[in-house]
Amino acid sequence: MDAIVLAAGKGTRMAPLTPGLAKPLLPVAGRSLLHRMLDGLAEAGVQRAFVVVHHLETEVRAAAAAWKGRMEVRCVAQGEPR
C-alpha cells in the first residue's frame, strides 16, 4: 500500500511557530510532525510514502531522508502552488 503525505504548505495558520521552519518539521515531544506521520504510516502497513514538498523543500527533503524506518520514502516536488 502507498500513501501520500502533504507537506508542501507554508503553515501560515501555525504562525508564529513557522516563520523559518516548515510545518512538517515542527517538533512535538521531541520528534517532528513529519517523522511522527511516517512512523504512523509504517505501523499501519504502508510500504511506500510519497512526501509532497515545496515550502523549505531542502529542509523537508533532508528530514524525510533522515527518517529511520522500514518504509520507502520518496519526495515529490509540488511545483507552483495555486
Protein backbone atom coordinates (compact mmCIF):
# COMPACT_ATOMS: atom_id res chain seq x y z
CA MET A 1 0.00 0.00 0.00
CA ASP A 2 1.21 3.53 -0.81
CA ALA A 3 0.47 6.80 0.98
CA ILE A 4 0.78 10.49 0.16
CA VAL A 5 1.94 12.96 2.83
CA LEU A 6 1.01 16.57 2.02
CA ALA A 7 3.97 18.56 3.36
CA ALA A 8 4.27 21.45 0.89
CA GLY A 9 2.38 24.27 2.62
CA LYS A 10 3.78 27.29 4.43
CA GLY A 11 1.93 26.59 7.68
CA THR A 12 0.64 30.16 7.97
CA ARG A 13 -2.11 29.13 10.40
CA MET A 14 0.57 27.86 12.78
CA ALA A 15 2.35 31.23 13.00
CA PRO A 16 4.31 32.35 14.96
CA LEU A 17 5.78 28.84 15.15
CA THR A 18 6.56 28.55 11.42
CA PRO A 19 8.28 31.71 10.12
CA GLY A 20 11.58 29.93 9.35
CA LEU A 21 10.54 26.35 9.93
CA ALA A 22 8.38 24.20 7.69
CA LYS A 23 5.20 22.95 9.36
CA PRO A 24 6.13 19.26 8.93
CA LEU A 25 9.34 19.93 10.86
CA LEU A 26 7.64 21.36 13.95
CA PRO A 27 8.70 19.33 16.98
CA VAL A 28 6.12 17.57 19.13
CA ALA A 29 7.52 15.80 22.19
CA GLY A 30 10.98 15.71 20.66
CA ARG A 31 10.06 14.45 17.17
CA SER A 32 8.96 16.29 14.06
CA LEU A 33 5.40 16.07 12.78
CA LEU A 34 6.80 14.53 9.58
CA HIS A 35 8.61 11.74 11.41
CA ARG A 36 5.53 11.06 13.55
CA MET A 37 3.39 10.81 10.41
CA LEU A 38 5.88 8.46 8.73
CA ASP A 39 6.03 6.32 11.89
CA GLY A 40 2.24 6.01 11.90
CA LEU A 41 2.07 5.11 8.23
CA ALA A 42 4.74 2.43 8.63
CA GLU A 43 2.93 1.00 11.66
CA ALA A 44 -0.27 0.86 9.59
CA GLY A 45 1.45 -1.31 7.00
CA VAL A 46 2.19 1.29 4.33
CA GLN A 47 5.11 0.15 2.18
CA ARG A 48 5.88 3.39 0.34
CA ALA A 49 5.18 7.04 1.18
CA PHE A 50 5.36 9.98 -1.18
CA VAL A 51 6.05 13.27 0.62
CA VAL A 52 4.87 16.28 -1.39
CA VAL A 53 7.28 19.19 -0.81
CA HIS A 54 7.51 22.87 -1.75
CA HIS A 55 7.99 25.40 1.09
CA LEU A 56 11.51 24.98 2.55
CA GLU A 57 11.84 21.98 0.26
CA THR A 58 15.52 21.31 1.02
CA GLU A 59 14.89 21.05 4.76
CA VAL A 60 11.83 18.82 4.38
CA ARG A 61 13.67 16.55 1.93
CA ALA A 62 16.56 16.24 4.39
CA ALA A 63 14.19 15.34 7.22
CA ALA A 64 12.45 12.73 5.08
CA ALA A 65 15.81 11.22 4.13
CA ALA A 66 16.86 11.15 7.81
CA TRP A 67 13.77 9.18 8.90
CA LYS A 68 14.72 5.74 10.14
CA GLY A 69 12.06 3.21 9.33
CA ARG A 70 11.13 0.16 7.27
CA MET A 71 9.21 2.01 4.60
CA GLU A 72 10.40 3.55 1.35
CA VAL A 73 10.03 7.36 1.42
CA ARG A 74 10.20 9.48 -1.73
CA CYS A 75 9.85 13.25 -2.01
CA VAL A 76 7.93 14.78 -4.90
CA ALA A 77 8.02 18.50 -5.73
CA GLN A 78 4.62 20.17 -5.82
CA GLY A 79 5.55 22.77 -8.40
CA GLU A 80 3.95 26.19 -8.34
CA PRO A 81 1.16 26.40 -5.72
CA ARG A 82 -2.21 27.61 -6.95
